[in-house]
């Protein structure tokens, strides 16, 4: 079965949120923006899928928080797991899950010396699969 046809599943630590993705996932990226640093400690690893391809199987703990006028984040209010990121007006949801983006804001205690693509700020859709 190809990756575009596979079903992927995930959820939070306590099981109060469970989901499945039916169809393609964007490759995982590592985001180094200030918000991801605050949320994850250094950077956040994220994939992405079309909203229509994501089935929420258990939403007992799912809550959304508007982190800015441009996006909101989905998390479990029971165990605190960070799960999703959604840009306003985009038909896709980021899934917390490697190319490097937003390195202009990365922490100074580590170096990125690999050959992966890097963006100082938003790629504005330049990353392949970003607008799934």
Protein backbone atom coordinates (compact mmCIF):
# COMPACT_ATOMS: atom_id res chain seq x y z
CA UNK A 1 0.00 0.00 0.00
CA UNK A 2 1.43 3.39 -0.93
CA UNK A 3 1.80 6.19 1.61
CA UNK A 4 -0.97 8.13 -0.17
CA UNK A 5 -3.43 5.27 0.47
CA UNK A 6 -2.30 4.32 3.98
CA UNK A 7 -4.25 5.04 7.14
CA UNK A 8 -2.20 6.61 9.94
CA UNK A 9 -3.45 6.90 13.50
CA UNK A 10 -2.44 8.86 16.53
CA UNK A 11 -3.61 10.51 19.69
CA UNK A 12 -2.66 11.99 23.01
CA UNK A 13 -0.86 10.35 25.93
CA UNK A 14 -4.01 9.51 27.90
CA UNK A 15 -6.26 8.43 24.99
CA UNK A 16 -8.86 11.18 25.42
CA UNK A 17 -8.09 12.25 21.82
CA UNK A 18 -7.61 9.72 19.00
CA UNK A 19 -7.56 10.35 15.27
CA UNK A 20 -6.93 8.67 11.92
CA UNK A 21 -5.61 10.15 8.70
CA UNK A 22 -6.86 8.50 5.51
CA UNK A 23 -4.67 9.55 2.62
CA UNK A 24 -1.45 11.48 2.11
CA UNK A 25 0.58 13.18 4.81
CA UNK A 26 3.10 15.92 4.11
CA UNK A 27 6.67 14.98 5.02
CA UNK A 28 7.62 15.88 8.58
CA UNK A 29 9.24 19.28 9.07
CA UNK A 30 10.92 20.74 12.14
CA UNK A 31 9.61 24.22 12.92
CA UNK A 32 11.91 26.52 14.89
CA UNK A 33 9.50 29.45 15.40
CA UNK A 34 9.20 31.11 18.79
CA UNK A 35 5.79 29.54 19.46
CA UNK A 36 7.13 26.01 18.77
CA UNK A 37 10.10 26.74 21.04
CA UNK A 38 7.74 27.68 23.86
CA UNK A 39 5.50 24.67 23.25
CA UNK A 40 8.11 21.97 22.60
CA UNK A 41 11.24 23.33 24.29
CA UNK A 42 13.30 23.80 21.11
CA UNK A 43 11.42 22.96 17.89
CA UNK A 44 8.25 21.18 16.81
CA UNK A 45 8.09 18.29 14.35
CA UNK A 46 4.92 18.51 12.23
CA UNK A 47 3.27 16.72 9.34
CA UNK A 48 0.07 17.90 7.62
CA UNK A 49 -3.05 16.43 6.01
CA UNK A 50 -6.22 17.73 4.42
CA UNK A 51 -8.96 18.32 6.98
CA UNK A 52 -11.32 16.05 5.00
CA UNK A 53 -8.84 13.18 5.45
CA UNK A 54 -8.65 13.47 9.25
CA UNK A 55 -11.21 11.53 11.30
CA UNK A 56 -11.40 12.37 15.01
CA UNK A 57 -12.29 9.07 16.70
CA UNK A 58 -12.24 10.32 20.30
CA UNK A 59 -12.53 14.01 21.16
CA UNK A 60 -13.25 13.89 24.89
CA UNK A 61 -10.15 15.98 25.68
CA UNK A 62 -9.75 17.96 22.45
CA UNK A 63 -9.58 21.72 22.95
CA UNK A 64 -8.46 24.47 20.59
CA UNK A 65 -6.47 27.57 21.49
CA UNK A 66 -6.07 30.56 19.13
CA UNK A 67 -2.33 31.26 19.35
CA UNK A 68 -2.60 34.23 16.99
CA UNK A 69 -4.93 35.76 14.44
CA UNK A 70 -3.37 33.41 11.88
CA UNK A 71 -3.59 30.01 13.57
CA UNK A 72 -4.89 27.82 16.37
CA UNK A 73 -3.51 24.74 18.11
CA UNK A 74 -5.37 21.61 19.18
CA UNK A 75 -4.37 19.87 22.40
CA UNK A 76 -5.70 17.43 24.99
CA UNK A 77 -7.03 19.23 28.06
CA UNK A 78 -6.74 15.99 30.07
CA UNK A 79 -3.00 15.21 29.66
CA UNK A 80 -1.71 18.35 27.90
CA UNK A 81 -0.50 16.66 24.71
CA UNK A 82 -0.04 19.03 21.77
CA UNK A 83 -1.70 17.47 18.70
CA UNK A 84 -2.65 19.85 15.91
CA UNK A 85 -1.91 23.19 14.28
CA UNK A 86 -4.34 24.91 11.89
CA UNK A 87 -3.81 28.02 9.84
CA UNK A 88 -6.91 30.19 9.41
CA UNK A 89 -8.47 29.67 5.98
CA UNK A 90 -6.35 26.66 5.03
CA UNK A 91 -7.97 23.32 4.16
CA UNK A 92 -5.29 21.35 6.00
CA UNK A 93 -4.33 20.59 9.59
CA UNK A 94 -0.77 20.30 10.87
CA UNK A 95 -0.18 17.19 12.93
CA UNK A 96 2.50 17.14 15.62
CA UNK A 97 4.76 14.30 14.66
CA UNK A 98 12.94 16.56 8.43
CA UNK A 99 13.51 19.72 6.72
CA UNK A 100 13.94 22.81 8.93
CA UNK A 101 11.68 25.87 8.74
CA UNK A 102 11.58 29.15 10.64
CA UNK A 103 15.27 28.79 11.58
CA UNK A 104 15.58 32.56 11.83
CA UNK A 105 14.05 32.18 15.32
CA UNK A 106 15.79 28.94 16.39
CA UNK A 107 17.48 28.62 19.76
CA UNK A 108 21.18 29.42 19.79
CA UNK A 109 22.25 26.31 21.75
CA UNK A 110 22.28 24.01 18.69
CA UNK A 111 23.48 24.17 15.08
CA UNK A 112 21.76 22.99 11.90
CA UNK A 113 24.61 21.73 9.77
CA UNK A 114 22.72 19.25 7.57
CA UNK A 115 21.79 19.73 3.91
CA UNK A 116 18.01 19.82 4.47
CA UNK A 117 16.05 22.82 3.08
CA UNK A 118 15.87 25.72 5.53
CA UNK A 119 13.62 28.82 5.65
CA UNK A 120 14.25 31.86 7.87
CA UNK A 121 10.51 32.46 8.16
CA UNK A 122 7.30 31.15 6.62
CA UNK A 123 7.87 29.35 3.33
CA UNK A 124 4.54 30.77 2.10
CA UNK A 125 3.77 27.40 0.55
CA UNK A 126 7.21 26.92 -1.03
CA UNK A 127 7.68 23.63 0.82
CA UNK A 128 6.42 20.72 -1.29
CA UNK A 129 3.05 19.47 0.01
CA UNK A 130 2.53 22.47 2.30
CA UNK A 131 -0.92 23.20 0.87
CA UNK A 132 -2.18 19.61 0.88
